[in-house]
Amino acid sequence: FPERFANGNKANDPEGALPWGSAEPTPTNFFGGDFEGVIEHIDH
C-alpha cells in the first residue's frame, strides 16, 4: 500500500502529511509513503 510502506522523499509529501507512524491511520490522513521509500527497502 504505497502511502504506508516507506517515505523516502519528503519533498513530495502531500500537504498536511504526518511524521511517519506518529498517529493511527484514518480514512483521510497521509504519511508520505512513496516510490523512493520502496526502493530504499528492497533489501527487506
All heavy atoms as atom14 arrays in JSON, in Angstrom:
{
  "sequence": "FPERFANGNKANDPEGALPWGSAEPTPTNFFGGDFEGVIEHIDH",
  "atom14_mask": [
    [1, 1, 1, 1, 1, 1, 1, 1, 1, 1, 1, 0, 0, 0],
    [1, 1, 1, 1, 1, 1, 1, 0, 0, 0, 0, 0, 0, 0],
    [1, 1, 1, 1, 1, 1, 1, 1, 1, 0, 0, 0, 0, 0],
    [1, 1, 1, 1, 1, 1, 1, 1, 1, 1, 1, 0, 0, 0],
    [1, 1, 1, 1, 1, 1, 1, 1, 1, 1, 1, 0, 0, 0],
    [1, 1, 1, 1, 1, 0, 0, 0, 0, 0, 0, 0, 0, 0],
    [1, 1, 1, 1, 1, 1, 1, 1, 0, 0, 0, 0, 0, 0],
    [1, 1, 1, 1, 0, 0, 0, 0, 0, 0, 0, 0, 0, 0],
    [1, 1, 1, 1, 1, 1, 1, 1, 0, 0, 0, 0, 0, 0],
    [1, 1, 1, 1, 1, 1, 1, 1, 1, 0, 0, 0, 0, 0],
    [1, 1, 1, 1, 1, 0, 0, 0, 0, 0, 0, 0, 0, 0],
    [1, 1, 1, 1, 1, 1, 1, 1, 0, 0, 0, 0, 0, 0],
    [1, 1, 1, 1, 1, 1, 1, 1, 0, 0, 0, 0, 0, 0],
    [1, 1, 1, 1, 1, 1, 1, 0, 0, 0, 0, 0, 0, 0],
    [1, 1, 1, 1, 1, 1, 1, 1, 1, 0, 0, 0, 0, 0],
    [1, 1, 1, 1, 0, 0, 0, 0, 0, 0, 0, 0, 0, 0],
    [1, 1, 1, 1, 1, 0, 0, 0, 0, 0, 0, 0, 0, 0],
    [1, 1, 1, 1, 1, 1, 1, 1, 0, 0, 0, 0, 0, 0],
    [1, 1, 1, 1, 1, 1, 1, 0, 0, 0, 0, 0, 0, 0],
    [1, 1, 1, 1, 1, 1, 1, 1, 1, 1, 1, 1, 1, 1],
    [1, 1, 1, 1, 0, 0, 0, 0, 0, 0, 0, 0, 0, 0],
    [1, 1, 1, 1, 1, 1, 0, 0, 0, 0, 0, 0, 0, 0],
    [1, 1, 1, 1, 1, 0, 0, 0, 0, 0, 0, 0, 0, 0],
    [1, 1, 1, 1, 1, 1, 1, 1, 1, 0, 0, 0, 0, 0],
    [1, 1, 1, 1, 1, 1, 1, 0, 0, 0, 0, 0, 0, 0],
    [1, 1, 1, 1, 1, 1, 1, 0, 0, 0, 0, 0, 0, 0],
    [1, 1, 1, 1, 1, 1, 1, 0, 0, 0, 0, 0, 0, 0],
    [1, 1, 1, 1, 1, 1, 1, 0, 0, 0, 0, 0, 0, 0],
    [1, 1, 1, 1, 1, 1, 1, 1, 0, 0, 0, 0, 0, 0],
    [1, 1, 1, 1, 1, 1, 1, 1, 1, 1, 1, 0, 0, 0],
    [1, 1, 1, 1, 1, 1, 1, 1, 1, 1, 1, 0, 0, 0],
    [1, 1, 1, 1, 0, 0, 0, 0, 0, 0, 0, 0, 0, 0],
    [1, 1, 1, 1, 0, 0, 0, 0, 0, 0, 0, 0, 0, 0],
    [1, 1, 1, 1, 1, 1, 1, 1, 0, 0, 0, 0, 0, 0],
    [1, 1, 1, 1, 1, 1, 1, 1, 1, 1, 1, 0, 0, 0],
    [1, 1, 1, 1, 1, 1, 1, 1, 1, 0, 0, 0, 0, 0],
    [1, 1, 1, 1, 0, 0, 0, 0, 0, 0, 0, 0, 0, 0],
    [1, 1, 1, 1, 1, 1, 1, 0, 0, 0, 0, 0, 0, 0],
    [1, 1, 1, 1, 1, 1, 1, 1, 0, 0, 0, 0, 0, 0],
    [1, 1, 1, 1, 1, 1, 1, 1, 1, 0, 0, 0, 0, 0],
    [1, 1, 1, 1, 1, 1, 1, 1, 1, 1, 0, 0, 0, 0],
    [1, 1, 1, 1, 1, 1, 1, 1, 0, 0, 0, 0, 0, 0],
    [1, 1, 1, 1, 1, 1, 1, 1, 0, 0, 0, 0, 0, 0],
    [1, 1, 1, 1, 1, 1, 1, 1, 1, 1, 0, 0, 0, 0]
  ],
  "atom14_positions": [
    [[0.9, -1.16, 0.0], [0.0, 0.0, 0.0], [0.94, 1.21, 0.0], [1.5, 1.56, 1.04], [-0.87, -0.06, 1.26], [-2.02, 0.89, 1.28], [-3.22, 0.55, 0.68], [-1.92, 2.11, 1.93], [-4.31, 1.42, 0.73], [-3.0, 2.98, 1.98], [-4.2, 2.64, 1.38], [0.0, 0.0, 0.0], [0.0, 0.0, 0.0], [0.0, 0.0, 0.0]],
    [[1.19, 1.83, -1.16], [2.33, 2.75, -1.29], [2.35, 3.89, -0.27], [3.43, 4.29, 0.18], [2.17, 3.3, -2.71], [1.42, 2.24, -3.44], [0.48, 1.65, -2.43], [0.0, 0.0, 0.0], [0.0, 0.0, 0.0], [0.0, 0.0, 0.0], [0.0, 0.0, 0.0], [0.0, 0.0, 0.0], [0.0, 0.0, 0.0], [0.0, 0.0, 0.0]],
    [[1.2, 4.39, 0.13], [1.15, 5.52, 1.06], [1.68, 5.15, 2.45], [2.05, 6.02, 3.23], [-0.3, 6.02, 1.19], [-0.45, 7.53, 1.31], [-0.04, 8.08, 2.67], [-0.44, 7.51, 3.71], [0.67, 9.11, 2.68], [0.0, 0.0, 0.0], [0.0, 0.0, 0.0], [0.0, 0.0, 0.0], [0.0, 0.0, 0.0], [0.0, 0.0, 0.0]],
    [[1.74, 3.84, 2.75], [2.08, 3.43, 4.11], [3.31, 2.51, 4.18], [3.55, 1.93, 5.24], [0.87, 2.72, 4.74], [-0.39, 3.56, 4.78], [-0.27, 4.73, 5.74], [-1.21, 5.79, 5.45], [-2.51, 5.77, 5.75], [-3.02, 4.72, 6.33], [-3.28, 6.79, 5.45], [0.0, 0.0, 0.0], [0.0, 0.0, 0.0], [0.0, 0.0, 0.0]],
    [[4.06, 2.37, 3.1], [5.18, 1.44, 3.16], [6.47, 2.11, 3.64], [7.12, 1.63, 4.55], [5.41, 0.77, 1.8], [6.43, -0.34, 1.84], [6.17, -1.5, 2.54], [7.65, -0.2, 1.19], [7.11, -2.53, 2.6], [8.6, -1.23, 1.23], [8.33, -2.39, 1.94], [0.0, 0.0, 0.0], [0.0, 0.0, 0.0], [0.0, 0.0, 0.0]],
    [[6.84, 3.23, 3.02], [8.04, 3.95, 3.45], [8.08, 5.31, 2.76], [7.69, 5.45, 1.61], [9.31, 3.16, 3.12], [0.0, 0.0, 0.0], [0.0, 0.0, 0.0], [0.0, 0.0, 0.0], [0.0, 0.0, 0.0], [0.0, 0.0, 0.0], [0.0, 0.0, 0.0], [0.0, 0.0, 0.0], [0.0, 0.0, 0.0], [0.0, 0.0, 0.0]],
    [[8.58, 6.31, 3.5], [8.71, 7.66, 2.96], [10.18, 7.93, 2.67], [10.98, 8.12, 3.58], [8.18, 8.69, 3.97], [8.12, 10.09, 3.39], [8.7, 10.38, 2.35], [7.4, 10.98, 4.07], [0.0, 0.0, 0.0], [0.0, 0.0, 0.0], [0.0, 0.0, 0.0], [0.0, 0.0, 0.0], [0.0, 0.0, 0.0], [0.0, 0.0, 0.0]],
    [[10.53, 7.91, 1.4], [11.93, 8.1, 1.02], [12.24, 9.49, 0.51], [13.41, 9.85, 0.32], [0.0, 0.0, 0.0], [0.0, 0.0, 0.0], [0.0, 0.0, 0.0], [0.0, 0.0, 0.0], [0.0, 0.0, 0.0], [0.0, 0.0, 0.0], [0.0, 0.0, 0.0], [0.0, 0.0, 0.0], [0.0, 0.0, 0.0], [0.0, 0.0, 0.0]],
    [[11.21, 10.3, 0.24], [11.43, 11.64, -0.29], [10.39, 12.58, 0.29], [9.26, 12.66, -0.2], [11.35, 11.63, -1.82], [11.61, 12.99, -2.43], [11.94, 13.96, -1.74], [11.47, 13.08, -3.75], [0.0, 0.0, 0.0], [0.0, 0.0, 0.0], [0.0, 0.0, 0.0], [0.0, 0.0, 0.0], [0.0, 0.0, 0.0], [0.0, 0.0, 0.0]],
    [[10.75, 13.31, 1.32], [9.79, 14.2, 1.99], [9.4, 15.4, 1.12], [8.38, 16.04, 1.37], [10.38, 14.69, 3.32], [10.58, 13.57, 4.35], [11.02, 14.12, 5.69], [11.26, 13.0, 6.69], [10.02, 12.22, 6.94], [0.0, 0.0, 0.0], [0.0, 0.0, 0.0], [0.0, 0.0, 0.0], [0.0, 0.0, 0.0], [0.0, 0.0, 0.0]],
    [[10.17, 15.65, 0.06], [9.86, 16.78, -0.81], [8.54, 16.59, -1.56], [7.92, 17.57, -1.97], [11.0, 17.0, -1.81], [0.0, 0.0, 0.0], [0.0, 0.0, 0.0], [0.0, 0.0, 0.0], [0.0, 0.0, 0.0], [0.0, 0.0, 0.0], [0.0, 0.0, 0.0], [0.0, 0.0, 0.0], [0.0, 0.0, 0.0], [0.0, 0.0, 0.0]],
    [[8.11, 15.33, -1.75], [6.85, 15.14, -2.47], [5.7, 14.76, -1.54], [4.67, 14.26, -2.0], [7.01, 14.1, -3.59], [7.49, 12.75, -3.09], [7.32, 12.42, -1.92], [8.11, 11.96, -3.96], [0.0, 0.0, 0.0], [0.0, 0.0, 0.0], [0.0, 0.0, 0.0], [0.0, 0.0, 0.0], [0.0, 0.0, 0.0], [0.0, 0.0, 0.0]],
    [[5.88, 14.98, -0.23], [4.8, 14.66, 0.7], [3.57, 15.49, 0.4], [3.68, 16.69, 0.09], [5.24, 14.95, 2.14], [6.2, 13.91, 2.68], [6.57, 13.0, 1.91], [6.56, 14.0, 3.87], [0.0, 0.0, 0.0], [0.0, 0.0, 0.0], [0.0, 0.0, 0.0], [0.0, 0.0, 0.0], [0.0, 0.0, 0.0], [0.0, 0.0, 0.0]],
    [[2.39, 14.9, 0.5], [1.17, 15.69, 0.32], [1.01, 16.69, 1.45], [1.58, 16.52, 2.54], [0.06, 14.64, 0.34], [0.64, 13.47, 1.04], [2.11, 13.48, 0.75], [0.0, 0.0, 0.0], [0.0, 0.0, 0.0], [0.0, 0.0, 0.0], [0.0, 0.0, 0.0], [0.0, 0.0, 0.0], [0.0, 0.0, 0.0], [0.0, 0.0, 0.0]],
    [[0.26, 17.74, 1.2], [0.05, 18.78, 2.21], [-0.56, 18.16, 3.47], [-1.5, 17.38, 3.39], [-0.88, 19.86, 1.66], [-1.07, 21.03, 2.61], [-1.96, 22.11, 2.01], [-2.3, 22.01, 0.82], [-2.3, 23.06, 2.75], [0.0, 0.0, 0.0], [0.0, 0.0, 0.0], [0.0, 0.0, 0.0], [0.0, 0.0, 0.0], [0.0, 0.0, 0.0]],
    [[0.02, 18.51, 4.61], [-0.51, 18.02, 5.89], [-0.04, 16.63, 6.26], [-0.55, 16.04, 7.23], [0.0, 0.0, 0.0], [0.0, 0.0, 0.0], [0.0, 0.0, 0.0], [0.0, 0.0, 0.0], [0.0, 0.0, 0.0], [0.0, 0.0, 0.0], [0.0, 0.0, 0.0], [0.0, 0.0, 0.0], [0.0, 0.0, 0.0], [0.0, 0.0, 0.0]],
    [[0.95, 16.09, 5.53], [1.44, 14.75, 5.85], [2.01, 14.72, 7.26], [2.74, 15.62, 7.69], [2.5, 14.33, 4.84], [0.0, 0.0, 0.0], [0.0, 0.0, 0.0], [0.0, 0.0, 0.0], [0.0, 0.0, 0.0], [0.0, 0.0, 0.0], [0.0, 0.0, 0.0], [0.0, 0.0, 0.0], [0.0, 0.0, 0.0], [0.0, 0.0, 0.0]],
    [[1.73, 13.65, 7.98], [2.17, 13.48, 9.36], [3.52, 12.79, 9.41], [3.88, 12.04, 8.48], [1.14, 12.67, 10.14], [-0.3, 13.22, 10.17], [-1.24, 12.21, 10.81], [-0.33, 14.54, 10.92], [0.0, 0.0, 0.0], [0.0, 0.0, 0.0], [0.0, 0.0, 0.0], [0.0, 0.0, 0.0], [0.0, 0.0, 0.0], [0.0, 0.0, 0.0]],
    [[4.28, 12.99, 10.48], [5.52, 12.23, 10.64], [5.23, 10.73, 10.63], [4.18, 10.3, 11.12], [6.05, 12.69, 12.01], [5.43, 14.04, 12.21], [4.08, 13.98, 11.57], [0.0, 0.0, 0.0], [0.0, 0.0, 0.0], [0.0, 0.0, 0.0], [0.0, 0.0, 0.0], [0.0, 0.0, 0.0], [0.0, 0.0, 0.0], [0.0, 0.0, 0.0]],
    [[6.14, 9.96, 10.08], [5.92, 8.52, 9.86], [5.52, 7.79, 11.15], [6.23, 7.85, 12.15], [7.19, 7.89, 9.28], [6.96, 6.52, 8.71], [7.3, 5.33, 9.25], [6.29, 6.23, 7.48], [6.9, 4.3, 8.44], [6.28, 4.82, 7.34], [5.71, 7.01, 6.49], [5.71, 4.19, 6.24], [5.14, 6.39, 5.39], [5.15, 4.99, 5.27]],
    [[4.36, 7.17, 11.11], [3.9, 6.35, 12.22], [3.53, 7.12, 13.46], [3.37, 6.53, 14.55], [0.0, 0.0, 0.0], [0.0, 0.0, 0.0], [0.0, 0.0, 0.0], [0.0, 0.0, 0.0], [0.0, 0.0, 0.0], [0.0, 0.0, 0.0], [0.0, 0.0, 0.0], [0.0, 0.0, 0.0], [0.0, 0.0, 0.0], [0.0, 0.0, 0.0]],
    [[3.34, 8.44, 13.35], [3.09, 9.27, 14.53], [1.64, 9.25, 14.99], [1.32, 9.76, 16.06], [3.5, 10.72, 14.24], [2.72, 11.25, 13.17], [0.0, 0.0, 0.0], [0.0, 0.0, 0.0], [0.0, 0.0, 0.0], [0.0, 0.0, 0.0], [0.0, 0.0, 0.0], [0.0, 0.0, 0.0], [0.0, 0.0, 0.0], [0.0, 0.0, 0.0]],
    [[0.76, 8.65, 14.18], [-0.66, 8.63, 14.53], [-1.29, 7.36, 13.96], [-0.72, 6.7, 13.08], [-1.36, 9.86, 13.98], [0.0, 0.0, 0.0], [0.0, 0.0, 0.0], [0.0, 0.0, 0.0], [0.0, 0.0, 0.0], [0.0, 0.0, 0.0], [0.0, 0.0, 0.0], [0.0, 0.0, 0.0], [0.0, 0.0, 0.0], [0.0, 0.0, 0.0]],
    [[-2.44, 7.03, 14.5], [-3.19, 5.91, 13.95], [-3.73, 6.3, 12.57], [-4.08, 7.46, 12.34], [-4.35, 5.52, 14.88], [-3.91, 4.9, 16.18], [-3.2, 3.57, 15.97], [-3.73, 2.71, 15.21], [-2.11, 3.39, 16.54], [0.0, 0.0, 0.0], [0.0, 0.0, 0.0], [0.0, 0.0, 0.0], [0.0, 0.0, 0.0], [0.0, 0.0, 0.0]],
    [[-3.81, 5.34, 11.65], [-4.33, 5.68, 10.32], [-5.83, 6.0, 10.37], [-6.57, 5.41, 11.16], [-4.07, 4.42, 9.51], [-4.03, 3.31, 10.51], [-3.45, 3.92, 11.76], [0.0, 0.0, 0.0], [0.0, 0.0, 0.0], [0.0, 0.0, 0.0], [0.0, 0.0, 0.0], [0.0, 0.0, 0.0], [0.0, 0.0, 0.0], [0.0, 0.0, 0.0]],
    [[-6.23, 6.94, 9.54], [-7.64, 7.27, 9.37], [-7.95, 7.23, 7.88], [-7.03, 7.14, 7.05], [-7.97, 8.67, 9.92], [-7.4, 9.66, 9.02], [-7.4, 8.87, 11.32], [0.0, 0.0, 0.0], [0.0, 0.0, 0.0], [0.0, 0.0, 0.0], [0.0, 0.0, 0.0], [0.0, 0.0, 0.0], [0.0, 0.0, 0.0], [0.0, 0.0, 0.0]],
    [[-9.22, 7.32, 7.5], [-9.54, 7.32, 6.07], [-8.98, 8.52, 5.32], [-8.93, 8.5, 4.08], [-11.08, 7.32, 6.05], [-11.47, 6.71, 7.35], [-10.44, 7.2, 8.34], [0.0, 0.0, 0.0], [0.0, 0.0, 0.0], [0.0, 0.0, 0.0], [0.0, 0.0, 0.0], [0.0, 0.0, 0.0], [0.0, 0.0, 0.0], [0.0, 0.0, 0.0]],
    [[-8.54, 9.56, 6.05], [-8.16, 10.8, 5.36], [-6.73, 11.27, 5.62], [-6.28, 12.21, 4.96], [-9.12, 11.94, 5.76], [-9.1, 12.09, 7.18], [-10.54, 11.63, 5.3], [0.0, 0.0, 0.0], [0.0, 0.0, 0.0], [0.0, 0.0, 0.0], [0.0, 0.0, 0.0], [0.0, 0.0, 0.0], [0.0, 0.0, 0.0], [0.0, 0.0, 0.0]],
    [[-6.0, 10.65, 6.57], [-4.67, 11.2, 6.84], [-3.61, 10.61, 5.92], [-3.8, 9.57, 5.29], [-4.28, 11.07, 8.32], [-4.23, 9.64, 8.82], [-4.34, 8.68, 8.07], [-4.08, 9.49, 10.13], [0.0, 0.0, 0.0], [0.0, 0.0, 0.0], [0.0, 0.0, 0.0], [0.0, 0.0, 0.0], [0.0, 0.0, 0.0], [0.0, 0.0, 0.0]],
    [[-2.47, 11.32, 5.83], [-1.37, 10.95, 4.96], [-0.07, 10.92, 5.76], [0.12, 11.69, 6.69], [-1.23, 11.96, 3.81], [-2.35, 11.93, 2.81], [-3.53, 12.63, 3.04], [-2.23, 11.22, 1.62], [-4.56, 12.61, 2.11], [-3.26, 11.19, 0.7], [-4.43, 11.88, 0.94], [0.0, 0.0, 0.0], [0.0, 0.0, 0.0], [0.0, 0.0, 0.0]],
    [[0.86, 10.03, 5.33], [2.16, 9.93, 5.97], [3.31, 10.03, 4.96], [4.47, 9.99, 5.35], [2.27, 8.61, 6.73], [1.32, 8.5, 7.89], [0.05, 7.97, 7.73], [1.69, 8.96, 9.15], [-0.83, 7.88, 8.79], [0.82, 8.87, 10.23], [-0.44, 8.33, 10.05], [0.0, 0.0, 0.0], [0.0, 0.0, 0.0], [0.0, 0.0, 0.0]],
    [[3.0, 10.13, 3.69], [4.04, 10.42, 2.7], [4.75, 9.24, 2.09], [5.84, 9.4, 1.51], [0.0, 0.0, 0.0], [0.0, 0.0, 0.0], [0.0, 0.0, 0.0], [0.0, 0.0, 0.0], [0.0, 0.0, 0.0], [0.0, 0.0, 0.0], [0.0, 0.0, 0.0], [0.0, 0.0, 0.0], [0.0, 0.0, 0.0], [0.0, 0.0, 0.0]],
    [[4.2, 8.04, 2.17], [4.83, 6.9, 1.51], [5.01, 7.14, 0.03], [4.16, 7.79, -0.6], [0.0, 0.0, 0.0], [0.0, 0.0, 0.0], [0.0, 0.0, 0.0], [0.0, 0.0, 0.0], [0.0, 0.0, 0.0], [0.0, 0.0, 0.0], [0.0, 0.0, 0.0], [0.0, 0.0, 0.0], [0.0, 0.0, 0.0], [0.0, 0.0, 0.0]],
    [[6.11, 6.64, -0.54], [6.39, 6.92, -1.95], [7.32, 5.86, -2.55], [7.73, 4.91, -1.89], [7.01, 8.32, -2.1], [8.25, 8.53, -1.22], [8.94, 7.54, -0.92], [8.52, 9.68, -0.84], [0.0, 0.0, 0.0], [0.0, 0.0, 0.0], [0.0, 0.0, 0.0], [0.0, 0.0, 0.0], [0.0, 0.0, 0.0], [0.0, 0.0, 0.0]],
    [[7.63, 6.03, -3.84], [8.47, 5.06, -4.56], [9.9, 5.01, -4.03], [10.51, 3.94, -3.97], [8.51, 5.39, -6.06], [7.2, 5.21, -6.76], [6.85, 6.01, -7.84], [6.29, 4.24, -6.35], [5.64, 5.86, -8.49], [5.08, 4.07, -7.01], [4.76, 4.88, -8.08], [0.0, 0.0, 0.0], [0.0, 0.0, 0.0], [0.0, 0.0, 0.0]],
    [[10.45, 6.18, -3.68], [11.81, 6.19, -3.15], [11.9, 5.33, -1.88], [12.88, 4.62, -1.66], [12.26, 7.62, -2.84], [12.56, 8.47, -4.06], [13.83, 8.04, -4.8], [14.54, 7.14, -4.31], [14.08, 8.59, -5.88], [0.0, 0.0, 0.0], [0.0, 0.0, 0.0], [0.0, 0.0, 0.0], [0.0, 0.0, 0.0], [0.0, 0.0, 0.0]],
    [[10.85, 5.38, -1.07], [10.84, 4.57, 0.14], [10.84, 3.08, -0.18], [11.49, 2.28, 0.5], [0.0, 0.0, 0.0], [0.0, 0.0, 0.0], [0.0, 0.0, 0.0], [0.0, 0.0, 0.0], [0.0, 0.0, 0.0], [0.0, 0.0, 0.0], [0.0, 0.0, 0.0], [0.0, 0.0, 0.0], [0.0, 0.0, 0.0], [0.0, 0.0, 0.0]],
    [[10.1, 2.71, -1.23], [10.06, 1.3, -1.64], [11.44, 0.87, -2.12], [11.95, -0.2, -1.74], [9.01, 1.08, -2.74], [9.05, -0.37, -3.21], [7.61, 1.43, -2.23], [0.0, 0.0, 0.0], [0.0, 0.0, 0.0], [0.0, 0.0, 0.0], [0.0, 0.0, 0.0], [0.0, 0.0, 0.0], [0.0, 0.0, 0.0], [0.0, 0.0, 0.0]],
    [[12.07, 1.7, -2.96], [13.39, 1.36, -3.5], [14.4, 1.22, -2.36], [15.23, 0.3, -2.36], [13.85, 2.43, -4.5], [12.93, 2.43, -5.74], [15.3, 2.2, -4.93], [13.16, 3.6, -6.68], [0.0, 0.0, 0.0], [0.0, 0.0, 0.0], [0.0, 0.0, 0.0], [0.0, 0.0, 0.0], [0.0, 0.0, 0.0], [0.0, 0.0, 0.0]],
    [[14.33, 2.11, -1.38], [15.28, 2.08, -0.27], [15.2, 0.78, 0.53], [16.18, 0.37, 1.15], [15.03, 3.26, 0.67], [15.48, 4.6, 0.11], [15.16, 5.74, 1.07], [14.63, 5.46, 2.18], [15.42, 6.9, 0.71], [0.0, 0.0, 0.0], [0.0, 0.0, 0.0], [0.0, 0.0, 0.0], [0.0, 0.0, 0.0], [0.0, 0.0, 0.0]],
    [[14.05, 0.14, 0.52], [13.84, -1.04, 1.37], [13.74, -2.33, 0.56], [13.21, -3.32, 1.05], [12.58, -0.85, 2.23], [12.75, 0.19, 3.29], [13.48, -0.03, 4.43], [12.3, 1.46, 3.37], [13.47, 1.06, 5.19], [12.76, 1.98, 4.56], [0.0, 0.0, 0.0], [0.0, 0.0, 0.0], [0.0, 0.0, 0.0], [0.0, 0.0, 0.0]],
    [[14.31, -2.32, -0.64], [14.24, -3.54, -1.44], [15.01, -4.68, -0.78], [14.66, -5.86, -0.95], [14.75, -3.29, -2.88], [14.41, -4.48, -3.77], [16.24, -2.98, -2.89], [14.66, -4.25, -5.24], [0.0, 0.0, 0.0], [0.0, 0.0, 0.0], [0.0, 0.0, 0.0], [0.0, 0.0, 0.0], [0.0, 0.0, 0.0], [0.0, 0.0, 0.0]],
    [[16.02, -4.37, 0.02], [16.78, -5.43, 0.69], [15.89, -6.24, 1.62], [16.09, -7.45, 1.78], [17.94, -4.83, 1.49], [19.06, -4.31, 0.59], [19.01, -4.59, -0.62], [19.96, -3.61, 1.09], [0.0, 0.0, 0.0], [0.0, 0.0, 0.0], [0.0, 0.0, 0.0], [0.0, 0.0, 0.0], [0.0, 0.0, 0.0], [0.0, 0.0, 0.0]],
    [[14.92, -5.59, 2.24], [13.98, -6.29, 3.12], [13.2, -7.33, 2.33], [13.0, -8.46, 2.8], [13.02, -5.26, 3.73], [11.93, -5.85, 4.57], [12.09, -6.16, 5.91], [10.64, -6.19, 4.27], [10.97, -6.67, 6.4], [10.07, -6.7, 5.42], [0.0, 0.0, 0.0], [0.0, 0.0, 0.0], [0.0, 0.0, 0.0], [0.0, 0.0, 0.0]]
  ]
}
